[in-house]
Amino acid sequence: MKILCPIDGSDFSRLLIQGVGTVFRHRVKEIVLMHVLPARHVGKSRISHNSQAVSLSDLSTKMTQVSKKLLHEHVERLKVVLSQAGTSRLVSLNTVVMKGDVSDAILRASEKMQADCIAVGSRGMSDVPGYLLGSVSRKVVTHASCSVFMVKGRLAVPLSMLLALDGSKATKRAIRRITNWLDPDDVALHAVSVVPEKLTDLGLEILGKRQARALMAPVRMQTSVLLAESRKKFLKAGFQVDTEFLEGNPPMQIVEAVKRLKTPLVCVGSKGLSGIERFMLGSVSEWVSTYSPVSVLVIR
């Protein structure tokens, strides 16, 4: 497993380092720590510094040096986290400095290194500026071609994780990734599947509750089978797992389940909606990433 881990020196970066080193400590093979110098910080040709004019090249050199120092400090923090699991010598740690738009640089780097997952910190995407302008983490979740691990708080093992299943190809990928990426001794799973509301109030009025329930019976049966089969796969892989059948709006039910169960991590599969599909239907993974109060692992 190869993880790209962009950092900026904030408290979110420290949480990110701790989360990556804790959750994936037994299965990750390479972690690339990355720092991006935003274009707006290097776009001026000259600035005043200590009453002297400093050329753009000198400024760029100094900023690169600061970036390398920052990356070195985070590498050392990551080594400490990995050493607690006894895996520090088994993980390759590398660093890279890039310039330009932060989200674009992260996406380019992830594709170039063929990352399995991008780990990003969250700055609270539901605030007004984030909603209007789009945060780096939101853009990465939306446009990344690989999985995304969004850290919103401190994570420690043993860890409980809520896993949302829906019977799609995305769910099948999520099951494979979890069994390959996570250690069953570190993670206990709570798998949920949500049967969406198919009928409007008018439909319920016309059919009646009994007929409406009969109409949805096959869907409920399929969902029960999905949960049972998924549970068998996880038990076979050595995971502790329980399951729950839910009904209603899928993303809202997932977030409510996270709050009710107080799981520090939620995992959802991404169906990769694009263009008109995303505009018309929205994405469950993006919605959960935005409104979940806890860390989110989006599997692609």
C-alpha atoms as a PDB file:
ATOM      1  CA  MET A   1       0.000   0.000   0.000  1.00  0.00           C
ATOM      2  CA  LYS A   2       1.326   3.442  -0.999  1.00  0.00           C
ATOM      3  CA  ILE A   3       0.002   6.614   0.678  1.00  0.00           C
ATOM      4  CA  LEU A   4       0.467  10.264  -0.321  1.00  0.00           C
ATOM      5  CA  CYS A   5       0.316  12.475   2.755  1.00  0.00           C
ATOM      6  CA  PRO A   6       0.212  16.265   2.108  1.00  0.00           C
ATOM      7  CA  ILE A   7       1.100  18.369   5.178  1.00  0.00           C
ATOM      8  CA  ASP A   8       1.177  22.094   5.932  1.00  0.00           C
ATOM      9  CA  GLY A   9       2.507  22.271   9.484  1.00  0.00           C
ATOM     10  CA  SER A  10      -0.888  22.905  11.102  1.00  0.00           C
ATOM     11  CA  ASP A  11      -2.512  20.962  13.929  1.00  0.00           C
ATOM     12  CA  PHE A  12      -4.445  19.104  11.222  1.00  0.00           C
ATOM     13  CA  SER A  13      -1.146  17.876   9.769  1.00  0.00           C
ATOM     14  CA  ARG A  14      -0.092  16.463  13.120  1.00  0.00           C
ATOM     15  CA  LEU A  15      -3.436  14.679  13.440  1.00  0.00           C
ATOM     16  CA  LEU A  16      -2.990  13.408   9.892  1.00  0.00           C
ATOM     17  CA  ILE A  17       0.456  11.960  10.620  1.00  0.00           C
ATOM     18  CA  GLN A  18      -0.815  10.277  13.756  1.00  0.00           C
ATOM     19  CA  GLY A  19      -3.882   8.888  11.957  1.00  0.00           C
ATOM     20  CA  VAL A  20      -1.987   7.470   8.980  1.00  0.00           C
ATOM     21  CA  GLY A  21       0.661   5.880  11.179  1.00  0.00           C
ATOM     22  CA  THR A  22      -1.977   4.373  13.451  1.00  0.00           C
ATOM     23  CA  VAL A  23      -4.647   3.079  11.064  1.00  0.00           C
ATOM     24  CA  PHE A  24      -2.399   1.685   8.306  1.00  0.00           C
ATOM     25  CA  ARG A  25       0.701   0.908  10.360  1.00  0.00           C
ATOM     26  CA  HIS A  26       0.770  -2.839   9.674  1.00  0.00           C
ATOM     27  CA  ARG A  27      -0.032  -2.819   5.954  1.00  0.00           C
ATOM     28  CA  VAL A  28       1.487   0.335   4.426  1.00  0.00           C
ATOM     29  CA  LYS A  29       4.719  -0.100   2.453  1.00  0.00           C
ATOM     30  CA  GLU A  30       5.465   3.473   1.397  1.00  0.00           C
ATOM     31  CA  ILE A  31       4.399   6.903   2.663  1.00  0.00           C
ATOM     32  CA  VAL A  32       5.267  10.047   0.696  1.00  0.00           C
ATOM     33  CA  LEU A  33       5.027  13.246   2.717  1.00  0.00           C
ATOM     34  CA  MET A  34       4.357  16.253   0.535  1.00  0.00           C
ATOM     35  CA  HIS A  35       4.382  20.012   1.065  1.00  0.00           C
ATOM     36  CA  VAL A  36       2.999  22.417  -1.529  1.00  0.00           C
ATOM     37  CA  LEU A  37       4.117  26.026  -1.844  1.00  0.00           C
ATOM     38  CA  PRO A  38       0.948  27.822  -3.024  1.00  0.00           C
ATOM     39  CA  ALA A  39       1.386  29.875  -6.202  1.00  0.00           C
ATOM     40  CA  ARG A  40       0.237  33.058  -4.456  1.00  0.00           C
ATOM     41  CA  HIS A  41       3.248  32.844  -2.113  1.00  0.00           C
ATOM     42  CA  VAL A  42       5.804  32.787  -4.900  1.00  0.00           C
ATOM     43  CA  GLY A  43       4.102  34.936  -7.510  1.00  0.00           C
ATOM     44  CA  LYS A  44       5.624  38.315  -6.648  1.00  0.00           C
ATOM     45  CA  SER A  45       8.892  39.226  -8.312  1.00  0.00           C
ATOM     46  CA  ARG A  46      10.292  41.249  -5.409  1.00  0.00           C
ATOM     47  CA  ILE A  47       9.436  41.808  -1.741  1.00  0.00           C
ATOM     48  CA  SER A  48      10.893  43.835   1.094  1.00  0.00           C
ATOM     49  CA  HIS A  49      12.711  41.795   3.743  1.00  0.00           C
ATOM     50  CA  ASN A  50      14.889  43.303   6.472  1.00  0.00           C
ATOM     51  CA  SER A  51      14.909  46.578   4.527  1.00  0.00           C
ATOM     52  CA  GLN A  52      16.486  44.850   1.507  1.00  0.00           C
ATOM     53  CA  ALA A  53      15.021  43.726  -1.784  1.00  0.00           C
ATOM     54  CA  VAL A  54      14.997  39.990  -2.123  1.00  0.00           C
ATOM     55  CA  SER A  55      14.793  38.411  -5.556  1.00  0.00           C
ATOM     56  CA  LEU A  56      12.151  35.832  -6.375  1.00  0.00           C
ATOM     57  CA  SER A  57      14.802  33.122  -6.710  1.00  0.00           C
ATOM     58  CA  ASP A  58      16.158  33.880  -3.220  1.00  0.00           C
ATOM     59  CA  LEU A  59      12.663  33.848  -1.770  1.00  0.00           C
ATOM     60  CA  SER A  60      11.844  30.598  -3.516  1.00  0.00           C
ATOM     61  CA  THR A  61      15.035  29.010  -2.182  1.00  0.00           C
ATOM     62  CA  LYS A  62      14.256  30.067   1.381  1.00  0.00           C
ATOM     63  CA  MET A  63      10.686  28.822   1.165  1.00  0.00           C
ATOM     64  CA  THR A  64      11.886  25.484  -0.193  1.00  0.00           C
ATOM     65  CA  GLN A  65      14.300  25.193   2.721  1.00  0.00           C
ATOM     66  CA  VAL A  66      11.453  25.857   5.161  1.00  0.00           C
ATOM     67  CA  SER A  67       9.365  23.194   3.404  1.00  0.00           C
ATOM     68  CA  LYS A  68      12.147  20.622   3.677  1.00  0.00           C
ATOM     69  CA  LYS A  69      12.576  21.386   7.380  1.00  0.00           C
ATOM     70  CA  LEU A  70       8.828  21.004   7.908  1.00  0.00           C
ATOM     71  CA  LEU A  71       8.803  17.691   6.057  1.00  0.00           C
ATOM     72  CA  HIS A  72      11.769  16.428   8.087  1.00  0.00           C
ATOM     73  CA  GLU A  73       9.962  17.228  11.347  1.00  0.00           C
ATOM     74  CA  HIS A  74       6.867  15.335  10.215  1.00  0.00           C
ATOM     75  CA  VAL A  75       8.932  12.374   9.048  1.00  0.00           C
ATOM     76  CA  GLU A  76      10.388  12.132  12.546  1.00  0.00           C
ATOM     77  CA  ARG A  77       6.878  12.286  14.055  1.00  0.00           C
ATOM     78  CA  LEU A  78       5.746   9.546  11.707  1.00  0.00           C
ATOM     79  CA  LYS A  79       8.705   7.362  12.658  1.00  0.00           C
ATOM     80  CA  VAL A  80       7.690   7.627  16.300  1.00  0.00           C
ATOM     81  CA  VAL A  81       4.120   6.547  15.525  1.00  0.00           C
ATOM     82  CA  LEU A  82       5.288   3.628  13.372  1.00  0.00           C
ATOM     83  CA  SER A  83       7.883   2.553  15.920  1.00  0.00           C
ATOM     84  CA  GLN A  84       5.110   2.020  18.459  1.00  0.00           C
ATOM     85  CA  ALA A  85       3.778  -0.704  16.169  1.00  0.00           C
ATOM     86  CA  GLY A  86       7.248  -2.047  15.426  1.00  0.00           C
ATOM     87  CA  THR A  87       6.883  -1.331  11.702  1.00  0.00           C
ATOM     88  CA  SER A  88       9.069   1.768  11.225  1.00  0.00           C
ATOM     89  CA  ARG A  89      11.841  -0.215   9.501  1.00  0.00           C
ATOM     90  CA  LEU A  90       9.365  -1.864   7.138  1.00  0.00           C
ATOM     91  CA  VAL A  91       7.919   1.387   5.745  1.00  0.00           C
ATOM     92  CA  SER A  92       9.677   3.519   3.124  1.00  0.00           C
ATOM     93  CA  LEU A  93       9.352   7.230   3.983  1.00  0.00           C
ATOM     94  CA  ASN A  94       9.933   9.820   1.241  1.00  0.00           C
ATOM     95  CA  THR A  95       9.324  13.555   0.859  1.00  0.00           C
ATOM     96  CA  VAL A  96       8.525  15.910  -1.999  1.00  0.00           C
ATOM     97  CA  VAL A  97       8.099  19.684  -2.364  1.00  0.00           C
ATOM     98  CA  MET A  98       5.856  21.071  -5.101  1.00  0.00           C
ATOM     99  CA  LYS A  99       4.667  24.536  -6.144  1.00  0.00           C
ATOM    100  CA  GLY A 100       1.342  25.732  -7.502  1.00  0.00           C
ATOM    101  CA  ASP A 101      -2.311  25.250  -6.660  1.00  0.00           C
ATOM    102  CA  VAL A 102      -2.436  22.953  -3.633  1.00  0.00           C
ATOM    103  CA  SER A 103      -5.273  20.634  -4.663  1.00  0.00           C
ATOM    104  CA  ASP A 104      -4.038  20.347  -8.253  1.00  0.00           C
ATOM    105  CA  ALA A 105      -0.509  19.546  -7.046  1.00  0.00           C
ATOM    106  CA  ILE A 106      -1.825  16.825  -4.737  1.00  0.00           C
ATOM    107  CA  LEU A 107      -3.872  15.218  -7.509  1.00  0.00           C
ATOM    108  CA  ARG A 108      -0.946  15.356  -9.983  1.00  0.00           C
ATOM    109  CA  ALA A 109       1.447  13.847  -7.472  1.00  0.00           C
ATOM    110  CA  SER A 110      -0.965  11.036  -6.557  1.00  0.00           C
ATOM    111  CA  GLU A 111      -1.336  10.027 -10.194  1.00  0.00           C
ATOM    112  CA  LYS A 112       2.389  10.257 -10.892  1.00  0.00           C
ATOM    113  CA  MET A 113       3.331   8.043  -7.942  1.00  0.00           C
ATOM    114  CA  GLN A 114       0.277   5.792  -8.486  1.00  0.00           C
ATOM    115  CA  ALA A 115      -0.816   6.207  -4.890  1.00  0.00           C
ATOM    116  CA  ASP A 116      -3.341   3.793  -3.436  1.00  0.00           C
ATOM    117  CA  CYS A 117      -4.618   6.459  -1.088  1.00  0.00           C
ATOM    118  CA  ILE A 118      -4.321  10.199  -0.414  1.00  0.00           C
ATOM    119  CA  ALA A 119      -4.457  11.185   3.259  1.00  0.00           C
ATOM    120  CA  VAL A 120      -5.691  14.721   3.917  1.00  0.00           C
ATOM    121  CA  GLY A 121      -6.558  16.771   6.969  1.00  0.00           C
ATOM    122  CA  SER A 122      -9.930  18.459   7.263  1.00  0.00           C
ATOM    123  CA  ARG A 123     -10.371  22.109   8.177  1.00  0.00           C
ATOM    124  CA  GLY A 124     -14.145  21.906   8.582  1.00  0.00           C
ATOM    125  CA  MET A 125     -15.607  21.816   5.090  1.00  0.00           C
ATOM    126  CA  SER A 126     -19.116  22.746   6.131  1.00  0.00           C
ATOM    127  CA  ASP A 127     -18.195  26.339   6.987  1.00  0.00           C
ATOM    128  CA  VAL A 128     -19.360  29.120   4.651  1.00  0.00           C
ATOM    129  CA  PRO A 129     -15.995  29.846   2.916  1.00  0.00           C
ATOM    130  CA  GLY A 130     -15.456  26.121   2.374  1.00  0.00           C
ATOM    131  CA  TYR A 131     -18.943  25.751   0.941  1.00  0.00           C
ATOM    132  CA  LEU A 132     -18.596  28.674  -1.447  1.00  0.00           C
ATOM    133  CA  LEU A 133     -14.981  28.228  -2.544  1.00  0.00           C
ATOM    134  CA  GLY A 134     -14.313  24.562  -1.983  1.00  0.00           C
ATOM    135  CA  SER A 135     -11.616  23.385   0.401  1.00  0.00           C
ATOM    136  CA  VAL A 136      -8.518  21.445  -0.595  1.00  0.00           C
ATOM    137  CA  SER A 137      -9.824  18.306   1.120  1.00  0.00           C
ATOM    138  CA  ARG A 138     -13.196  18.567  -0.653  1.00  0.00           C
ATOM    139  CA  LYS A 139     -11.548  18.962  -4.057  1.00  0.00           C
ATOM    140  CA  VAL A 140      -9.302  15.977  -3.395  1.00  0.00           C
ATOM    141  CA  VAL A 141     -12.258  13.806  -2.329  1.00  0.00           C
ATOM    142  CA  THR A 142     -14.210  14.855  -5.424  1.00  0.00           C
ATOM    143  CA  HIS A 143     -11.516  14.522  -8.073  1.00  0.00           C
ATOM    144  CA  ALA A 144      -8.966  11.966  -6.849  1.00  0.00           C
ATOM    145  CA  SER A 145      -8.683   8.794  -8.893  1.00  0.00           C
ATOM    146  CA  CYS A 146      -7.592   6.804  -5.819  1.00  0.00           C
ATOM    147  CA  SER A 147      -8.986   6.337  -2.318  1.00  0.00           C
ATOM    148  CA  VAL A 148      -8.967   9.268   0.114  1.00  0.00           C
ATOM    149  CA  PHE A 149      -8.461   9.168   3.890  1.00  0.00           C
ATOM    150  CA  MET A 150      -9.781  12.366   5.490  1.00  0.00           C
ATOM    151  CA  VAL A 151      -8.657  12.790   9.090  1.00  0.00           C
ATOM    152  CA  LYS A 152     -10.876  14.954  11.300  1.00  0.00           C
ATOM    153  CA  GLY A 153      -9.730  13.889  14.766  1.00  0.00           C
ATOM    154  CA  ARG A 154      -7.343  11.757  16.765  1.00  0.00           C
ATOM    155  CA  LEU A 155      -7.443   8.028  15.978  1.00  0.00           C
ATOM    156  CA  ALA A 156      -6.149   5.247  18.204  1.00  0.00           C
ATOM    157  CA  VAL A 157      -6.236   1.456  18.151  1.00  0.00           C
ATOM    158  CA  PRO A 158      -8.183  -0.619  18.861  1.00  0.00           C
ATOM    159  CA  LEU A 159     -10.408   1.293  16.458  1.00  0.00           C
ATOM    160  CA  SER A 160     -14.118   0.890  15.695  1.00  0.00           C
ATOM    161  CA  MET A 161     -15.159   1.721  12.130  1.00  0.00           C
ATOM    162  CA  LEU A 162     -18.570   2.062  10.555  1.00  0.00           C
ATOM    163  CA  LEU A 163     -18.667   0.583   7.039  1.00  0.00           C
ATOM    164  CA  ALA A 164     -21.485   1.516   4.656  1.00  0.00           C
ATOM    165  CA  LEU A 165     -22.439  -1.222   2.154  1.00  0.00           C
ATOM    166  CA  ASP A 166     -24.882  -1.063  -0.767  1.00  0.00           C
ATOM    167  CA  GLY A 167     -24.197  -4.052  -2.994  1.00  0.00           C
ATOM    168  CA  SER A 168     -22.467  -2.042  -5.741  1.00  0.00           C
ATOM    169  CA  LYS A 169     -19.047  -2.616  -7.292  1.00  0.00           C
ATOM    170  CA  ALA A 170     -17.819   0.169  -5.029  1.00  0.00           C
ATOM    171  CA  THR A 171     -18.831  -1.900  -2.005  1.00  0.00           C
ATOM    172  CA  LYS A 172     -16.989  -4.939  -3.322  1.00  0.00           C
ATOM    173  CA  ARG A 173     -13.856  -2.813  -3.753  1.00  0.00           C
ATOM    174  CA  ALA A 174     -14.266  -1.464  -0.243  1.00  0.00           C
ATOM    175  CA  ILE A 175     -14.388  -4.970   1.228  1.00  0.00           C
ATOM    176  CA  ARG A 176     -11.224  -5.975  -0.654  1.00  0.00           C
ATOM    177  CA  ARG A 177      -9.372  -2.818   0.346  1.00  0.00           C
ATOM    178  CA  ILE A 178     -10.299  -3.118   4.008  1.00  0.00           C
ATOM    179  CA  THR A 179      -9.147  -6.723   4.264  1.00  0.00           C
ATOM    180  CA  ASN A 180      -5.875  -5.814   2.499  1.00  0.00           C
ATOM    181  CA  TRP A 181      -5.168  -2.446   4.174  1.00  0.00           C
ATOM    182  CA  LEU A 182      -6.333  -2.868   7.766  1.00  0.00           C
ATOM    183  CA  ASP A 183      -5.207  -5.267  10.466  1.00  0.00           C
ATOM    184  CA  PRO A 184      -8.086  -7.258  12.024  1.00  0.00           C
ATOM    185  CA  ASP A 185      -6.404  -7.008  15.430  1.00  0.00           C
ATOM    186  CA  ASP A 186      -6.613  -3.202  15.220  1.00  0.00           C
ATOM    187  CA  VAL A 187     -10.106  -2.628  13.797  1.00  0.00           C
ATOM    188  CA  ALA A 188     -13.616  -3.731  14.774  1.00  0.00           C
ATOM    189  CA  LEU A 189     -16.243  -3.250  12.049  1.00  0.00           C
ATOM    190  CA  HIS A 190     -19.867  -2.205  12.240  1.00  0.00           C
ATOM    191  CA  ALA A 191     -21.343  -2.789   8.768  1.00  0.00           C
ATOM    192  CA  VAL A 192     -24.562  -0.994   7.837  1.00  0.00           C
ATOM    193  CA  SER A 193     -26.688  -1.064   4.722  1.00  0.00           C
ATOM    194  CA  VAL A 194     -29.432   1.461   4.050  1.00  0.00           C
ATOM    195  CA  VAL A 195     -32.587   0.681   2.096  1.00  0.00           C
ATOM    196  CA  PRO A 196     -33.493   4.051   0.517  1.00  0.00           C
ATOM    197  CA  GLU A 197     -36.976   5.467   0.538  1.00  0.00           C
ATOM    198  CA  LYS A 198     -38.317   4.526  -2.891  1.00  0.00           C
ATOM    199  CA  LEU A 199     -41.864   5.851  -2.521  1.00  0.00           C
ATOM    200  CA  THR A 200     -43.081   9.424  -2.099  1.00  0.00           C
ATOM    201  CA  ASP A 201     -45.854  10.376   0.314  1.00  0.00           C
ATOM    202  CA  LEU A 202     -48.250  10.302  -2.653  1.00  0.00           C
ATOM    203  CA  GLY A 203     -47.114   6.790  -3.547  1.00  0.00           C
ATOM    204  CA  LEU A 204     -47.688   5.636   0.021  1.00  0.00           C
ATOM    205  CA  GLU A 205     -51.166   7.181  -0.017  1.00  0.00           C
ATOM    206  CA  ILE A 206     -52.126   5.426  -3.264  1.00  0.00           C
ATOM    207  CA  LEU A 207     -50.703   1.999  -2.431  1.00  0.00           C
ATOM    208  CA  GLY A 208     -51.159   1.968   1.303  1.00  0.00           C
ATOM    209  CA  LYS A 209     -48.509   0.995   3.821  1.00  0.00           C
ATOM    210  CA  ARG A 210     -49.086  -2.765   3.442  1.00  0.00           C
ATOM    211  CA  GLN A 211     -48.687  -2.779  -0.355  1.00  0.00           C
ATOM    212  CA  ALA A 212     -45.760  -0.381  -0.190  1.00  0.00           C
ATOM    213  CA  ARG A 213     -44.006  -2.630   2.305  1.00  0.00           C
ATOM    214  CA  ALA A 214     -44.662  -5.657   0.079  1.00  0.00           C
ATOM    215  CA  LEU A 215     -43.201  -3.765  -2.892  1.00  0.00           C
ATOM    216  CA  MET A 216     -39.994  -3.101  -0.962  1.00  0.00           C
ATOM    217  CA  ALA A 217     -39.730  -6.641   0.442  1.00  0.00           C
ATOM    218  CA  PRO A 218     -37.318  -7.903  -2.277  1.00  0.00           C
ATOM    219  CA  VAL A 219     -35.001  -4.946  -1.651  1.00  0.00           C
ATOM    220  CA  ARG A 220     -34.972  -5.660   2.066  1.00  0.00           C
ATOM    221  CA  MET A 221     -34.204  -9.297   1.375  1.00  0.00           C
ATOM    222  CA  GLN A 222     -31.295  -8.399  -0.907  1.00  0.00           C
ATOM    223  CA  THR A 223     -29.947  -6.047   1.749  1.00  0.00           C
ATOM    224  CA  SER A 224     -30.129  -8.754   4.418  1.00  0.00           C
ATOM    225  CA  VAL A 225     -28.286 -11.182   2.136  1.00  0.00           C
ATOM    226  CA  LEU A 226     -25.638  -8.529   1.399  1.00  0.00           C
ATOM    227  CA  LEU A 227     -24.991  -7.957   5.097  1.00  0.00           C
ATOM    228  CA  ALA A 228     -24.803 -11.672   5.841  1.00  0.00           C
ATOM    229  CA  GLU A 229     -22.390 -12.386   2.981  1.00  0.00           C
ATOM    230  CA  SER A 230     -20.197  -9.399   3.851  1.00  0.00           C
ATOM    231  CA  ARG A 231     -20.064 -10.497   7.482  1.00  0.00           C
ATOM    232  CA  LYS A 232     -18.851 -13.946   6.430  1.00  0.00           C
ATOM    233  CA  LYS A 233     -16.052 -12.418   4.345  1.00  0.00           C
ATOM    234  CA  PHE A 234     -14.851 -10.229   7.182  1.00  0.00           C
ATOM    235  CA  LEU A 235     -15.056 -13.028   9.745  1.00  0.00           C
ATOM    236  CA  LYS A 236     -13.023 -15.234   7.416  1.00  0.00           C
ATOM    237  CA  ALA A 237     -10.377 -12.483   7.230  1.00  0.00           C
ATOM    238  CA  GLY A 238     -10.241 -12.378  11.041  1.00  0.00           C
ATOM    239  CA  PHE A 239     -12.206  -9.190  11.691  1.00  0.00           C
ATOM    240  CA  GLN A 240     -14.659  -8.644  14.503  1.00  0.00           C
ATOM    241  CA  VAL A 241     -17.850  -7.465  12.781  1.00  0.00           C
ATOM    242  CA  ASP A 242     -21.522  -6.840  13.462  1.00  0.00           C
ATOM    243  CA  THR A 243     -24.201  -5.675  11.022  1.00  0.00           C
ATOM    244  CA  GLU A 244     -27.209  -3.359  10.999  1.00  0.00           C
ATOM    245  CA  PHE A 245     -30.103  -2.846   8.581  1.00  0.00           C
ATOM    246  CA  LEU A 246     -31.237   0.779   8.171  1.00  0.00           C
ATOM    247  CA  GLU A 247     -33.955   2.541   6.171  1.00  0.00           C
ATOM    248  CA  GLY A 248     -34.203   6.107   4.878  1.00  0.00           C
ATOM    249  CA  ASN A 249     -31.935   8.581   3.121  1.00  0.00           C
ATOM    250  CA  PRO A 250     -28.574   6.753   2.778  1.00  0.00           C
ATOM    251  CA  PRO A 251     -26.054   9.555   3.491  1.00  0.00           C
ATOM    252  CA  MET A 252     -28.135  10.969   6.339  1.00  0.00           C
ATOM    253  CA  GLN A 253     -28.647   7.534   7.882  1.00  0.00           C
ATOM    254  CA  ILE A 254     -24.907   6.830   7.656  1.00  0.00           C
ATOM    255  CA  VAL A 255     -23.986  10.067   9.434  1.00  0.00           C
ATOM    256  CA  GLU A 256     -26.688   9.528  12.073  1.00  0.00           C
ATOM    257  CA  ALA A 257     -25.348   6.007  12.680  1.00  0.00           C
ATOM    258  CA  VAL A 258     -21.853   7.419  13.154  1.00  0.00           C
ATOM    259  CA  LYS A 259     -23.156   9.835  15.783  1.00  0.00           C
ATOM    260  CA  ARG A 260     -25.252   7.177  17.521  1.00  0.00           C
ATOM    261  CA  LEU A 261     -22.512   4.543  17.630  1.00  0.00           C
ATOM    262  CA  LYS A 262     -19.729   7.078  18.276  1.00  0.00           C
ATOM    263  CA  THR A 263     -17.363   5.381  15.856  1.00  0.00           C
ATOM    264  CA  PRO A 264     -14.241   7.541  15.198  1.00  0.00           C
ATOM    265  CA  LEU A 265     -14.015   6.423  11.545  1.00  0.00           C
ATOM    266  CA  VAL A 266     -16.509   5.774   8.747  1.00  0.00           C
ATOM    267  CA  CYS A 267     -15.760   4.053   5.429  1.00  0.00           C
ATOM    268  CA  VAL A 268     -17.801   4.475   2.232  1.00  0.00           C
ATOM    269  CA  GLY A 269     -17.263   3.252  -1.294  1.00  0.00           C
ATOM    270  CA  SER A 270     -17.269   5.782  -4.132  1.00  0.00           C
ATOM    271  CA  LYS A 271     -19.212   5.018  -7.309  1.00  0.00           C
ATOM    272  CA  GLY A 272     -17.216   7.592  -9.235  1.00  0.00           C
ATOM    273  CA  LEU A 273     -20.095   9.788 -10.404  1.00  0.00           C
ATOM    274  CA  SER A 274     -19.069  12.431 -12.904  1.00  0.00           C
ATOM    275  CA  GLY A 275     -20.590  15.264 -14.898  1.00  0.00           C
ATOM    276  CA  ILE A 276     -24.386  15.340 -15.008  1.00  0.00           C
ATOM    277  CA  GLU A 277     -24.668  12.313 -12.672  1.00  0.00           C
ATOM    278  CA  ARG A 278     -22.894  14.147  -9.859  1.00  0.00           C
ATOM    279  CA  PHE A 279     -24.929  17.307 -10.480  1.00  0.00           C
ATOM    280  CA  MET A 280     -28.286  15.508 -10.534  1.00  0.00           C
ATOM    281  CA  LEU A 281     -27.739  12.694  -8.042  1.00  0.00           C
ATOM    282  CA  GLY A 282     -24.938  13.882  -5.827  1.00  0.00           C
ATOM    283  CA  SER A 283     -22.413  11.532  -4.277  1.00  0.00           C
ATOM    284  CA  VAL A 284     -22.990   9.682  -1.004  1.00  0.00           C
ATOM    285  CA  SER A 285     -19.238   9.608  -0.367  1.00  0.00           C
ATOM    286  CA  GLU A 286     -18.884  13.373  -0.863  1.00  0.00           C
ATOM    287  CA  TRP A 287     -21.916  14.094   1.307  1.00  0.00           C
ATOM    288  CA  VAL A 288     -20.641  11.856   4.111  1.00  0.00           C
ATOM    289  CA  SER A 289     -17.139  13.345   3.812  1.00  0.00           C
ATOM    290  CA  THR A 290     -18.579  16.823   4.201  1.00  0.00           C
ATOM    291  CA  TYR A 291     -21.010  16.261   7.049  1.00  0.00           C
ATOM    292  CA  SER A 292     -19.517  13.385   9.010  1.00  0.00           C
ATOM    293  CA  PRO A 293     -18.224  14.606  12.398  1.00  0.00           C
ATOM    294  CA  VAL A 294     -15.508  11.929  12.324  1.00  0.00           C
ATOM    295  CA  SER A 295     -12.731  10.813   9.987  1.00  0.00           C
ATOM    296  CA  VAL A 296     -13.739   9.296   6.642  1.00  0.00           C
ATOM    297  CA  LEU A 297     -12.142   6.695   4.380  1.00  0.00           C
ATOM    298  CA  VAL A 298     -13.483   6.915   0.812  1.00  0.00           C
ATOM    299  CA  ILE A 299     -12.636   3.783  -1.194  1.00  0.00           C
ATOM    300  CA  ARG A 300     -12.115   3.944  -4.951  1.00  0.00           C
END
